[in-house]
Amino acid sequence: MHLAVLAILGLEADLTLTAVVIGLTLRRRHTRATLVATALAALATAAAIFLVWALWVVAPLCLGDSAPTSCIAKRAAVGSPYLIQGATAQWAWMLAVAFCARFVSEKNLAHVSG
């Protein structure tokens, strides 16, 4: 259980840093580029999480079943709404971080550094 929590925290830290990089890299481009880049990152992450979940959690439960494909499809369908909600929340988080990075990079912070 502790390993799963550490993995989730590591993934969140990685995605937050990715969003910062997206925001800083695309700060001079149209905001649509930031929307698309963060959406692609969130979508790729959701697909990877779904694949890992299907292979490590769902597929072992269907071993020995006479129709493993339908067993996996039925069990995977149960988690689909959570995947969509999680991907949407992740995209919102990445957008917020990316736009904050854009906003901060546009400000003159010379007075802060002394």
PDB file of N, CA and C in Angstrom:
ATOM      1  N   MET A   1       0.821  -1.195   0.000  1.00  0.00           N
ATOM      2  CA  MET A   1       0.000   0.000   0.000  1.00  0.00           C
ATOM      3  C   MET A   1       0.865   1.258   0.000  1.00  0.00           C
ATOM      4  N   HIS A   2       1.927   1.251   0.815  1.00  0.00           N
ATOM      5  CA  HIS A   2       2.789   2.422   0.879  1.00  0.00           C
ATOM      6  C   HIS A   2       3.506   2.651  -0.446  1.00  0.00           C
ATOM      7  N   LEU A   3       3.835   1.581  -1.121  1.00  0.00           N
ATOM      8  CA  LEU A   3       4.498   1.698  -2.413  1.00  0.00           C
ATOM      9  C   LEU A   3       3.571   2.337  -3.445  1.00  0.00           C
ATOM     10  N   ALA A   4       2.290   1.990  -3.402  1.00  0.00           N
ATOM     11  CA  ALA A   4       1.324   2.585  -4.325  1.00  0.00           C
ATOM     12  C   ALA A   4       1.172   4.081  -4.073  1.00  0.00           C
ATOM     13  N   VAL A   5       1.146   4.482  -2.816  1.00  0.00           N
ATOM     14  CA  VAL A   5       1.043   5.906  -2.482  1.00  0.00           C
ATOM     15  C   VAL A   5       2.281   6.650  -2.961  1.00  0.00           C
ATOM     16  N   LEU A   6       3.447   6.067  -2.767  1.00  0.00           N
ATOM     17  CA  LEU A   6       4.678   6.693  -3.254  1.00  0.00           C
ATOM     18  C   LEU A   6       4.688   6.795  -4.775  1.00  0.00           C
ATOM     19  N   ALA A   7       4.179   5.774  -5.451  1.00  0.00           N
ATOM     20  CA  ALA A   7       4.114   5.813  -6.913  1.00  0.00           C
ATOM     21  C   ALA A   7       3.179   6.921  -7.388  1.00  0.00           C
ATOM     22  N   ILE A   8       2.046   7.069  -6.718  1.00  0.00           N
ATOM     23  CA  ILE A   8       1.096   8.124  -7.097  1.00  0.00           C
ATOM     24  C   ILE A   8       1.699   9.503  -6.845  1.00  0.00           C
ATOM     25  N   LEU A   9       2.358   9.677  -5.706  1.00  0.00           N
ATOM     26  CA  LEU A   9       3.001  10.961  -5.416  1.00  0.00           C
ATOM     27  C   LEU A   9       4.109  11.270  -6.420  1.00  0.00           C
ATOM     28  N   GLY A  10       4.865  10.260  -6.800  1.00  0.00           N
ATOM     29  CA  GLY A  10       5.897  10.454  -7.810  1.00  0.00           C
ATOM     30  C   GLY A  10       5.318  10.841  -9.157  1.00  0.00           C
ATOM     31  N   LEU A  11       4.220  10.201  -9.523  1.00  0.00           N
ATOM     32  CA  LEU A  11       3.557  10.528 -10.788  1.00  0.00           C
ATOM     33  C   LEU A  11       3.028  11.954 -10.765  1.00  0.00           C
ATOM     34  N   GLU A  12       2.421  12.355  -9.655  1.00  0.00           N
ATOM     35  CA  GLU A  12       1.905  13.721  -9.549  1.00  0.00           C
ATOM     36  C   GLU A  12       3.031  14.748  -9.617  1.00  0.00           C
ATOM     37  N   ALA A  13       4.137  14.469  -8.961  1.00  0.00           N
ATOM     38  CA  ALA A  13       5.278  15.385  -9.022  1.00  0.00           C
ATOM     39  C   ALA A  13       5.811  15.481 -10.446  1.00  0.00           C
ATOM     40  N   ASP A  14       5.883  14.361 -11.125  1.00  0.00           N
ATOM     41  CA  ASP A  14       6.358  14.339 -12.502  1.00  0.00           C
ATOM     42  C   ASP A  14       5.426  15.131 -13.416  1.00  0.00           C
ATOM     43  N   LEU A  15       4.128  14.950 -13.257  1.00  0.00           N
ATOM     44  CA  LEU A  15       3.173  15.672 -14.095  1.00  0.00           C
ATOM     45  C   LEU A  15       3.157  17.164 -13.778  1.00  0.00           C
ATOM     46  N   THR A  16       3.382  17.519 -12.526  1.00  0.00           N
ATOM     47  CA  THR A  16       3.450  18.934 -12.166  1.00  0.00           C
ATOM     48  C   THR A  16       4.667  19.586 -12.813  1.00  0.00           C
ATOM     49  N   LEU A  17       5.803  18.920 -12.761  1.00  0.00           N
ATOM     50  CA  LEU A  17       6.996  19.457 -13.424  1.00  0.00           C
ATOM     51  C   LEU A  17       6.805  19.526 -14.935  1.00  0.00           C
ATOM     52  N   THR A  18       6.125  18.543 -15.500  1.00  0.00           N
ATOM     53  CA  THR A  18       5.832  18.570 -16.937  1.00  0.00           C
ATOM     54  C   THR A  18       4.964  19.773 -17.277  1.00  0.00           C
ATOM     55  N   ALA A  19       3.971  20.059 -16.447  1.00  0.00           N
ATOM     56  CA  ALA A  19       3.102  21.212 -16.688  1.00  0.00           C
ATOM     57  C   ALA A  19       3.877  22.522 -16.582  1.00  0.00           C
ATOM     58  N   VAL A  20       4.810  22.606 -15.640  1.00  0.00           N
ATOM     59  CA  VAL A  20       5.643  23.810 -15.524  1.00  0.00           C
ATOM     60  C   VAL A  20       6.479  23.991 -16.784  1.00  0.00           C
ATOM     61  N   VAL A  21       7.062  22.917 -17.262  1.00  0.00           N
ATOM     62  CA  VAL A  21       7.875  22.988 -18.485  1.00  0.00           C
ATOM     63  C   VAL A  21       7.011  23.396 -19.680  1.00  0.00           C
ATOM     64  N   ILE A  22       5.813  22.839 -19.775  1.00  0.00           N
ATOM     65  CA  ILE A  22       4.904  23.218 -20.866  1.00  0.00           C
ATOM     66  C   ILE A  22       4.586  24.705 -20.779  1.00  0.00           C
ATOM     67  N   GLY A  23       4.259  25.184 -19.580  1.00  0.00           N
ATOM     68  CA  GLY A  23       3.931  26.599 -19.412  1.00  0.00           C
ATOM     69  C   GLY A  23       5.086  27.519 -19.754  1.00  0.00           C
ATOM     70  N   LEU A  24       6.291  27.160 -19.323  1.00  0.00           N
ATOM     71  CA  LEU A  24       7.450  28.005 -19.600  1.00  0.00           C
ATOM     72  C   LEU A  24       7.868  27.939 -21.064  1.00  0.00           C
ATOM     73  N   THR A  25       7.771  26.769 -21.656  1.00  0.00           N
ATOM     74  CA  THR A  25       8.182  26.609 -23.053  1.00  0.00           C
ATOM     75  C   THR A  25       7.225  27.315 -24.005  1.00  0.00           C
ATOM     76  N   LEU A  26       5.945  27.246 -23.725  1.00  0.00           N
ATOM     77  CA  LEU A  26       4.940  27.808 -24.632  1.00  0.00           C
ATOM     78  C   LEU A  26       4.431  29.174 -24.182  1.00  0.00           C
ATOM     79  N   ARG A  27       5.188  29.884 -23.360  1.00  0.00           N
ATOM     80  CA  ARG A  27       4.693  31.144 -22.804  1.00  0.00           C
ATOM     81  C   ARG A  27       4.504  32.232 -23.852  1.00  0.00           C
ATOM     82  N   ARG A  28       5.244  32.175 -24.934  1.00  0.00           N
ATOM     83  CA  ARG A  28       5.126  33.193 -25.973  1.00  0.00           C
ATOM     84  C   ARG A  28       4.185  32.771 -27.104  1.00  0.00           C
ATOM     85  N   ARG A  29       3.635  31.602 -27.000  1.00  0.00           N
ATOM     86  CA  ARG A  29       2.704  31.120 -28.023  1.00  0.00           C
ATOM     87  C   ARG A  29       1.276  31.359 -27.568  1.00  0.00           C
ATOM     88  N   HIS A  30       0.349  31.089 -28.464  1.00  0.00           N
ATOM     89  CA  HIS A  30      -1.074  31.237 -28.155  1.00  0.00           C
ATOM     90  C   HIS A  30      -1.462  30.271 -27.041  1.00  0.00           C
ATOM     91  N   THR A  31      -2.433  30.650 -26.242  1.00  0.00           N
ATOM     92  CA  THR A  31      -2.838  29.798 -25.121  1.00  0.00           C
ATOM     93  C   THR A  31      -3.393  28.459 -25.588  1.00  0.00           C
ATOM     94  N   ARG A  32      -3.840  28.394 -26.822  1.00  0.00           N
ATOM     95  CA  ARG A  32      -4.350  27.128 -27.363  1.00  0.00           C
ATOM     96  C   ARG A  32      -3.260  26.060 -27.382  1.00  0.00           C
ATOM     97  N   ALA A  33      -2.023  26.471 -27.605  1.00  0.00           N
ATOM     98  CA  ALA A  33      -0.912  25.510 -27.604  1.00  0.00           C
ATOM     99  C   ALA A  33      -0.737  24.888 -26.221  1.00  0.00           C
ATOM    100  N   THR A  34      -0.903  25.694 -25.181  1.00  0.00           N
ATOM    101  CA  THR A  34      -0.815  25.166 -23.816  1.00  0.00           C
ATOM    102  C   THR A  34      -1.968  24.216 -23.534  1.00  0.00           C
ATOM    103  N   LEU A  35      -3.162  24.572 -23.989  1.00  0.00           N
ATOM    104  CA  LEU A  35      -4.326  23.693 -23.814  1.00  0.00           C
ATOM    105  C   LEU A  35      -4.091  22.340 -24.471  1.00  0.00           C
ATOM    106  N   VAL A  36      -3.612  22.360 -25.702  1.00  0.00           N
ATOM    107  CA  VAL A  36      -3.401  21.114 -26.444  1.00  0.00           C
ATOM    108  C   VAL A  36      -2.275  20.289 -25.817  1.00  0.00           C
ATOM    109  N   ALA A  37      -1.179  20.934 -25.459  1.00  0.00           N
ATOM    110  CA  ALA A  37      -0.042  20.199 -24.891  1.00  0.00           C
ATOM    111  C   ALA A  37      -0.402  19.543 -23.561  1.00  0.00           C
ATOM    112  N   THR A  38      -1.107  20.265 -22.696  1.00  0.00           N
ATOM    113  CA  THR A  38      -1.492  19.669 -21.415  1.00  0.00           C
ATOM    114  C   THR A  38      -2.547  18.586 -21.605  1.00  0.00           C
ATOM    115  N   ALA A  39      -3.436  18.770 -22.579  1.00  0.00           N
ATOM    116  CA  ALA A  39      -4.445  17.731 -22.853  1.00  0.00           C
ATOM    117  C   ALA A  39      -3.778  16.451 -23.340  1.00  0.00           C
ATOM    118  N   LEU A  40      -2.801  16.579 -24.214  1.00  0.00           N
ATOM    119  CA  LEU A  40      -2.089  15.398 -24.706  1.00  0.00           C
ATOM    120  C   LEU A  40      -1.324  14.701 -23.583  1.00  0.00           C
ATOM    121  N   ALA A  41      -0.709  15.473 -22.708  1.00  0.00           N
ATOM    122  CA  ALA A  41       0.021  14.873 -21.586  1.00  0.00           C
ATOM    123  C   ALA A  41      -0.937  14.155 -20.637  1.00  0.00           C
ATOM    124  N   ALA A  42      -2.072  14.773 -20.338  1.00  0.00           N
ATOM    125  CA  ALA A  42      -3.055  14.139 -19.448  1.00  0.00           C
ATOM    126  C   ALA A  42      -3.655  12.895 -20.088  1.00  0.00           C
ATOM    127  N   LEU A  43      -3.910  12.952 -21.385  1.00  0.00           N
ATOM    128  CA  LEU A  43      -4.469  11.799 -22.098  1.00  0.00           C
ATOM    129  C   LEU A  43      -3.474  10.641 -22.142  1.00  0.00           C
ATOM    130  N   ALA A  44      -2.223  10.946 -22.422  1.00  0.00           N
ATOM    131  CA  ALA A  44      -1.201   9.893 -22.451  1.00  0.00           C
ATOM    132  C   ALA A  44      -1.018   9.269 -21.070  1.00  0.00           C
ATOM    133  N   THR A  45      -1.069  10.084 -20.035  1.00  0.00           N
ATOM    134  CA  THR A  45      -0.948   9.561 -18.673  1.00  0.00           C
ATOM    135  C   THR A  45      -2.133   8.677 -18.325  1.00  0.00           C
ATOM    136  N   ALA A  46      -3.341   9.113 -18.686  1.00  0.00           N
ATOM    137  CA  ALA A  46      -4.537   8.306 -18.409  1.00  0.00           C
ATOM    138  C   ALA A  46      -4.477   6.971 -19.142  1.00  0.00           C
ATOM    139  N   ALA A  47      -4.013   6.989 -20.382  1.00  0.00           N
ATOM    140  CA  ALA A  47      -3.897   5.739 -21.140  1.00  0.00           C
ATOM    141  C   ALA A  47      -2.874   4.803 -20.498  1.00  0.00           C
ATOM    142  N   ALA A  48      -1.764   5.353 -20.048  1.00  0.00           N
ATOM    143  CA  ALA A  48      -0.741   4.524 -19.399  1.00  0.00           C
ATOM    144  C   ALA A  48      -1.249   3.938 -18.084  1.00  0.00           C
ATOM    145  N   ILE A  49      -1.943   4.746 -17.302  1.00  0.00           N
ATOM    146  CA  ILE A  49      -2.492   4.257 -16.032  1.00  0.00           C
ATOM    147  C   ILE A  49      -3.527   3.169 -16.289  1.00  0.00           C
ATOM    148  N   PHE A  50      -4.381   3.362 -17.293  1.00  0.00           N
ATOM    149  CA  PHE A  50      -5.392   2.355 -17.622  1.00  0.00           C
ATOM    150  C   PHE A  50      -4.737   1.048 -18.060  1.00  0.00           C
ATOM    151  N   LEU A  51      -3.699   1.145 -18.872  1.00  0.00           N
ATOM    152  CA  LEU A  51      -3.008  -0.051 -19.341  1.00  0.00           C
ATOM    153  C   LEU A  51      -2.357  -0.807 -18.183  1.00  0.00           C
ATOM    154  N   VAL A  52      -1.694  -0.088 -17.302  1.00  0.00           N
ATOM    155  CA  VAL A  52      -1.065  -0.731 -16.144  1.00  0.00           C
ATOM    156  C   VAL A  52      -2.125  -1.369 -15.259  1.00  0.00           C
ATOM    157  N   TRP A  53      -3.217  -0.661 -15.019  1.00  0.00           N
ATOM    158  CA  TRP A  53      -4.301  -1.200 -14.187  1.00  0.00           C
ATOM    159  C   TRP A  53      -4.900  -2.453 -14.823  1.00  0.00           C
ATOM    160  N   ALA A  54      -5.118  -2.413 -16.146  1.00  0.00           N
ATOM    161  CA  ALA A  54      -5.705  -3.569 -16.831  1.00  0.00           C
ATOM    162  C   ALA A  54      -4.770  -4.777 -16.797  1.00  0.00           C
ATOM    163  N   LEU A  55      -3.479  -4.547 -16.957  1.00  0.00           N
ATOM    164  CA  LEU A  55      -2.536  -5.666 -16.984  1.00  0.00           C
ATOM    165  C   LEU A  55      -2.215  -6.221 -15.602  1.00  0.00           C
ATOM    166  N   TRP A  56      -2.132  -5.361 -14.598  1.00  0.00           N
ATOM    167  CA  TRP A  56      -1.711  -5.820 -13.271  1.00  0.00           C
ATOM    168  C   TRP A  56      -2.862  -6.156 -12.336  1.00  0.00           C
ATOM    169  N   VAL A  57      -4.042  -5.588 -12.570  1.00  0.00           N
ATOM    170  CA  VAL A  57      -5.163  -5.824 -11.660  1.00  0.00           C
ATOM    171  C   VAL A  57      -6.257  -6.648 -12.322  1.00  0.00           C
ATOM    172  N   VAL A  58      -6.678  -6.235 -13.504  1.00  0.00           N
ATOM    173  CA  VAL A  58      -7.828  -6.878 -14.152  1.00  0.00           C
ATOM    174  C   VAL A  58      -7.451  -8.218 -14.770  1.00  0.00           C
ATOM    175  N   ALA A  59      -6.399  -8.252 -15.560  1.00  0.00           N
ATOM    176  CA  ALA A  59      -6.040  -9.480 -16.279  1.00  0.00           C
ATOM    177  C   ALA A  59      -5.764 -10.666 -15.357  1.00  0.00           C
ATOM    178  N   PRO A  60      -5.051 -10.505 -14.249  1.00  0.00           N
ATOM    179  CA  PRO A  60      -4.844 -11.669 -13.374  1.00  0.00           C
ATOM    180  C   PRO A  60      -6.140 -12.245 -12.801  1.00  0.00           C
ATOM    181  N   LEU A  61      -7.162 -11.411 -12.631  1.00  0.00           N
ATOM    182  CA  LEU A  61      -8.445 -11.902 -12.127  1.00  0.00           C
ATOM    183  C   LEU A  61      -9.168 -12.759 -13.163  1.00  0.00           C
ATOM    184  N   CYS A  62      -8.807 -12.612 -14.431  1.00  0.00           N
ATOM    185  CA  CYS A  62      -9.479 -13.341 -15.501  1.00  0.00           C
ATOM    186  C   CYS A  62      -8.702 -14.575 -15.952  1.00  0.00           C
ATOM    187  N   LEU A  63      -7.602 -14.894 -15.291  1.00  0.00           N
ATOM    188  CA  LEU A  63      -6.852 -16.097 -15.652  1.00  0.00           C
ATOM    189  C   LEU A  63      -7.709 -17.330 -15.402  1.00  0.00           C
ATOM    190  N   GLY A  64      -7.715 -18.233 -16.335  1.00  0.00           N
ATOM    191  CA  GLY A  64      -8.497 -19.456 -16.208  1.00  0.00           C
ATOM    192  C   GLY A  64      -9.939 -19.305 -16.638  1.00  0.00           C
ATOM    193  N   ASP A  65     -10.345 -18.105 -17.009  1.00  0.00           N
ATOM    194  CA  ASP A  65     -11.716 -17.890 -17.484  1.00  0.00           C
ATOM    195  C   ASP A  65     -11.838 -18.450 -18.892  1.00  0.00           C
ATOM    196  N   SER A  66     -13.021 -18.962 -19.224  1.00  0.00           N
ATOM    197  CA  SER A  66     -13.216 -19.553 -20.557  1.00  0.00           C
ATOM    198  C   SER A  66     -13.245 -18.489 -21.651  1.00  0.00           C
ATOM    199  N   ALA A  67     -13.624 -17.267 -21.313  1.00  0.00           N
ATOM    200  CA  ALA A  67     -13.645 -16.167 -22.274  1.00  0.00           C
ATOM    201  C   ALA A  67     -12.883 -14.981 -21.668  1.00  0.00           C
ATOM    202  N   PRO A  68     -11.549 -15.019 -21.716  1.00  0.00           N
ATOM    203  CA  PRO A  68     -10.771 -13.981 -21.033  1.00  0.00           C
ATOM    204  C   PRO A  68     -10.974 -12.582 -21.611  1.00  0.00           C
ATOM    205  N   THR A  69     -11.223 -12.484 -22.911  1.00  0.00           N
ATOM    206  CA  THR A  69     -11.398 -11.164 -23.515  1.00  0.00           C
ATOM    207  C   THR A  69     -12.640 -10.476 -22.974  1.00  0.00           C
ATOM    208  N   SER A  70     -13.743 -11.204 -22.907  1.00  0.00           N
ATOM    209  CA  SER A  70     -14.969 -10.590 -22.386  1.00  0.00           C
ATOM    210  C   SER A  70     -14.855 -10.326 -20.888  1.00  0.00           C
ATOM    211  N   CYS A  71     -14.139 -11.181 -20.177  1.00  0.00           N
ATOM    212  CA  CYS A  71     -13.923 -10.966 -18.741  1.00  0.00           C
ATOM    213  C   CYS A  71     -13.149  -9.673 -18.506  1.00  0.00           C
ATOM    214  N   ILE A  72     -12.095  -9.470 -19.274  1.00  0.00           N
ATOM    215  CA  ILE A  72     -11.289  -8.256 -19.131  1.00  0.00           C
ATOM    216  C   ILE A  72     -12.108  -7.032 -19.518  1.00  0.00           C
ATOM    217  N   ALA A  73     -12.886  -7.141 -20.594  1.00  0.00           N
ATOM    218  CA  ALA A  73     -13.702  -6.006 -21.036  1.00  0.00           C
ATOM    219  C   ALA A  73     -14.735  -5.622 -19.980  1.00  0.00           C
ATOM    220  N   LYS A  74     -15.380  -6.622 -19.382  1.00  0.00           N
ATOM    221  CA  LYS A  74     -16.386  -6.336 -18.348  1.00  0.00           C
ATOM    222  C   LYS A  74     -15.751  -5.684 -17.128  1.00  0.00           C
ATOM    223  N   ARG A  75     -14.640  -6.238 -16.679  1.00  0.00           N
ATOM    224  CA  ARG A  75     -13.988  -5.698 -15.484  1.00  0.00           C
ATOM    225  C   ARG A  75     -13.361  -4.331 -15.753  1.00  0.00           C
ATOM    226  N   ALA A  76     -12.842  -4.126 -16.942  1.00  0.00           N
ATOM    227  CA  ALA A  76     -12.230  -2.837 -17.273  1.00  0.00           C
ATOM    228  C   ALA A  76     -13.285  -1.749 -17.422  1.00  0.00           C
ATOM    229  N   ALA A  77     -14.479  -2.117 -17.870  1.00  0.00           N
ATOM    230  CA  ALA A  77     -15.551  -1.132 -18.030  1.00  0.00           C
ATOM    231  C   ALA A  77     -15.960  -0.522 -16.694  1.00  0.00           C
ATOM    232  N   VAL A  78     -15.771  -1.269 -15.619  1.00  0.00           N
ATOM    233  CA  VAL A  78     -16.126  -0.758 -14.290  1.00  0.00           C
ATOM    234  C   VAL A  78     -15.255   0.446 -13.926  1.00  0.00           C
ATOM    235  N   GLY A  79     -14.001   0.431 -14.312  1.00  0.00           N
ATOM    236  CA  GLY A  79     -13.086   1.514 -13.961  1.00  0.00           C
ATOM    237  C   GLY A  79     -13.070   2.673 -14.931  1.00  0.00           C
ATOM    238  N   SER A  80     -13.764   2.575 -16.051  1.00  0.00           N
ATOM    239  CA  SER A  80     -13.728   3.627 -17.065  1.00  0.00           C
ATOM    240  C   SER A  80     -14.229   4.982 -16.573  1.00  0.00           C
ATOM    241  N   PRO A  81     -15.353   5.058 -15.845  1.00  0.00           N
ATOM    242  CA  PRO A  81     -15.772   6.386 -15.363  1.00  0.00           C
ATOM    243  C   PRO A  81     -14.737   7.042 -14.452  1.00  0.00           C
ATOM    244  N   TYR A  82     -14.072   6.240 -13.633  1.00  0.00           N
ATOM    245  CA  TYR A  82     -13.039   6.795 -12.766  1.00  0.00           C
ATOM    246  C   TYR A  82     -11.854   7.288 -13.583  1.00  0.00           C
ATOM    247  N   LEU A  83     -11.545   6.598 -14.658  1.00  0.00           N
ATOM    248  CA  LEU A  83     -10.451   7.005 -15.530  1.00  0.00           C
ATOM    249  C   LEU A  83     -10.762   8.349 -16.173  1.00  0.00           C
ATOM    250  N   ILE A  84     -11.984   8.519 -16.657  1.00  0.00           N
ATOM    251  CA  ILE A  84     -12.377   9.771 -17.305  1.00  0.00           C
ATOM    252  C   ILE A  84     -12.355  10.919 -16.300  1.00  0.00           C
ATOM    253  N   GLN A  85     -12.898  10.691 -15.118  1.00  0.00           N
ATOM    254  CA  GLN A  85     -12.890  11.734 -14.089  1.00  0.00           C
ATOM    255  C   GLN A  85     -11.466  12.072 -13.657  1.00  0.00           C
ATOM    256  N   GLY A  86     -10.642  11.062 -13.506  1.00  0.00           N
ATOM    257  CA  GLY A  86      -9.257  11.296 -13.113  1.00  0.00           C
ATOM    258  C   GLY A  86      -8.475  12.052 -14.173  1.00  0.00           C
ATOM    259  N   ALA A  87      -8.680  11.693 -15.436  1.00  0.00           N
ATOM    260  CA  ALA A  87      -7.984  12.386 -16.524  1.00  0.00           C
ATOM    261  C   ALA A  87      -8.433  13.841 -16.621  1.00  0.00           C
ATOM    262  N   THR A  88      -9.721  14.082 -16.411  1.00  0.00           N
ATOM    263  CA  THR A  88     -10.229  15.454 -16.445  1.00  0.00           C
ATOM    264  C   THR A  88      -9.654  16.277 -15.295  1.00  0.00           C
ATOM    265  N   ALA A  89      -9.621  15.698 -14.114  1.00  0.00           N
ATOM    266  CA  ALA A  89      -9.037  16.404 -12.965  1.00  0.00           C
ATOM    267  C   ALA A  89      -7.546  16.653 -13.179  1.00  0.00           C
ATOM    268  N   GLN A  90      -6.852  15.673 -13.756  1.00  0.00           N
ATOM    269  CA  GLN A  90      -5.423  15.834 -14.021  1.00  0.00           C
ATOM    270  C   GLN A  90      -5.188  16.931 -15.043  1.00  0.00           C
ATOM    271  N   TRP A  91      -6.029  17.001 -16.054  1.00  0.00           N
ATOM    272  CA  TRP A  91      -5.886  18.046 -17.067  1.00  0.00           C
ATOM    273  C   TRP A  91      -6.122  19.420 -16.445  1.00  0.00           C
ATOM    274  N   ALA A  92      -7.139  19.531 -15.594  1.00  0.00           N
ATOM    275  CA  ALA A  92      -7.407  20.812 -14.930  1.00  0.00           C
ATOM    276  C   ALA A  92      -6.210  21.233 -14.070  1.00  0.00           C
ATOM    277  N   TRP A  93      -5.636  20.283 -13.345  1.00  0.00           N
ATOM    278  CA  TRP A  93      -4.464  20.580 -12.515  1.00  0.00           C
ATOM    279  C   TRP A  93      -3.291  21.018 -13.384  1.00  0.00           C
ATOM    280  N   MET A  94      -3.039  20.295 -14.469  1.00  0.00           N
ATOM    281  CA  MET A  94      -1.917  20.638 -15.343  1.00  0.00           C
ATOM    282  C   MET A  94      -2.128  21.997 -16.003  1.00  0.00           C
ATOM    283  N   LEU A  95      -3.373  22.310 -16.385  1.00  0.00           N
ATOM    284  CA  LEU A  95      -3.660  23.625 -16.964  1.00  0.00           C
ATOM    285  C   LEU A  95      -3.378  24.733 -15.956  1.00  0.00           C
ATOM    286  N   ALA A  96      -3.831  24.537 -14.728  1.00  0.00           N
ATOM    287  CA  ALA A  96      -3.602  25.555 -13.700  1.00  0.00           C
ATOM    288  C   ALA A  96      -2.110  25.784 -13.476  1.00  0.00           C
ATOM    289  N   VAL A  97      -1.353  24.722 -13.377  1.00  0.00           N
ATOM    290  CA  VAL A  97       0.092  24.849 -13.148  1.00  0.00           C
ATOM    291  C   VAL A  97       0.771  25.488 -14.358  1.00  0.00           C
ATOM    292  N   ALA A  98       0.397  25.069 -15.566  1.00  0.00           N
ATOM    293  CA  ALA A  98       1.020  25.616 -16.779  1.00  0.00           C
ATOM    294  C   ALA A  98       0.718  27.102 -16.937  1.00  0.00           C
ATOM    295  N   PHE A  99      -0.527  27.500 -16.689  1.00  0.00           N
ATOM    296  CA  PHE A  99      -0.863  28.914 -16.819  1.00  0.00           C
ATOM    297  C   PHE A  99      -0.230  29.752 -15.705  1.00  0.00           C
ATOM    298  N   CYS A 100      -0.082  29.187 -14.523  1.00  0.00           N
ATOM    299  CA  CYS A 100       0.645  29.897 -13.458  1.00  0.00           C
ATOM    300  C   CYS A 100       2.109  30.083 -13.849  1.00  0.00           C
ATOM    301  N   ALA A 101       2.707  29.067 -14.440  1.00  0.00           N
ATOM    302  CA  ALA A 101       4.103  29.189 -14.890  1.00  0.00           C
ATOM    303  C   ALA A 101       4.223  30.250 -15.977  1.00  0.00           C
ATOM    304  N   ARG A 102       3.253  30.298 -16.879  1.00  0.00           N
ATOM    305  CA  ARG A 102       3.252  31.340 -17.915  1.00  0.00           C
ATOM    306  C   ARG A 102       3.139  32.717 -17.286  1.00  0.00           C
ATOM    307  N   PHE A 103       2.227  32.844 -16.327  1.00  0.00           N
ATOM    308  CA  PHE A 103       1.984  34.130 -15.681  1.00  0.00           C
ATOM    309  C   PHE A 103       3.219  34.610 -14.929  1.00  0.00           C
ATOM    310  N   VAL A 104       3.836  33.732 -14.161  1.00  0.00           N
ATOM    311  CA  VAL A 104       5.009  34.107 -13.374  1.00  0.00           C
ATOM    312  C   VAL A 104       6.181  34.451 -14.285  1.00  0.00           C
ATOM    313  N   SER A 105       6.334  33.729 -15.391  1.00  0.00           N
ATOM    314  CA  SER A 105       7.466  33.988 -16.282  1.00  0.00           C
ATOM    315  C   SER A 105       7.321  35.319 -17.002  1.00  0.00           C
ATOM    316  N   GLU A 106       6.089  35.828 -17.127  1.00  0.00           N
ATOM    317  CA  GLU A 106       5.879  37.107 -17.804  1.00  0.00           C
ATOM    318  C   GLU A 106       6.097  38.298 -16.875  1.00  0.00           C
ATOM    319  N   LYS A 107       6.103  38.062 -15.595  1.00  0.00           N
ATOM    320  CA  LYS A 107       6.301  39.144 -14.629  1.00  0.00           C
ATOM    321  C   LYS A 107       7.790  39.461 -14.497  1.00  0.00           C
ATOM    322  N   ASN A 108       8.065  40.705 -14.190  1.00  0.00           N
ATOM    323  CA  ASN A 108       9.439  41.110 -13.925  1.00  0.00           C
ATOM    324  C   ASN A 108       9.705  40.877 -12.441  1.00  0.00           C
ATOM    325  N   LEU A 109      10.511  39.881 -12.133  1.00  0.00           N
ATOM    326  CA  LEU A 109      10.769  39.513 -10.749  1.00  0.00           C
ATOM    327  C   LEU A 109      12.110  40.044 -10.245  1.00  0.00           C
ATOM    328  N   ALA A 110      12.631  41.102 -10.867  1.00  0.00           N
ATOM    329  CA  ALA A 110      13.923  41.645 -10.451  1.00  0.00           C
ATOM    330  C   ALA A 110      13.856  42.205  -9.036  1.00  0.00           C
ATOM    331  N   HIS A 111      12.727  42.759  -8.645  1.00  0.00           N
ATOM    332  CA  HIS A 111      12.605  43.333  -7.308  1.00  0.00           C
ATOM    333  C   HIS A 111      12.608  42.257  -6.221  1.00  0.00           C
ATOM    334  N   VAL A 112      12.284  41.026  -6.575  1.00  0.00           N
ATOM    335  CA  VAL A 112      12.246  39.947  -5.595  1.00  0.00           C
ATOM    336  C   VAL A 112      13.656  39.457  -5.276  1.00  0.00           C
ATOM    337  N   SER A 113      14.502  39.381  -6.302  1.00  0.00           N
ATOM    338  CA  SER A 113      15.839  38.822  -6.100  1.00  0.00           C
ATOM    339  C   SER A 113      16.786  39.797  -5.403  1.00  0.00           C
ATOM    340  N   GLY A 114      16.389  41.030  -5.240  1.00  0.00           N
ATOM    341  CA  GLY A 114      17.200  41.968  -4.461  1.00  0.00           C
ATOM    342  C   GLY A 114      18.019  42.820  -5.325  1.00  0.00           C
TER     343      GLY A 114
END
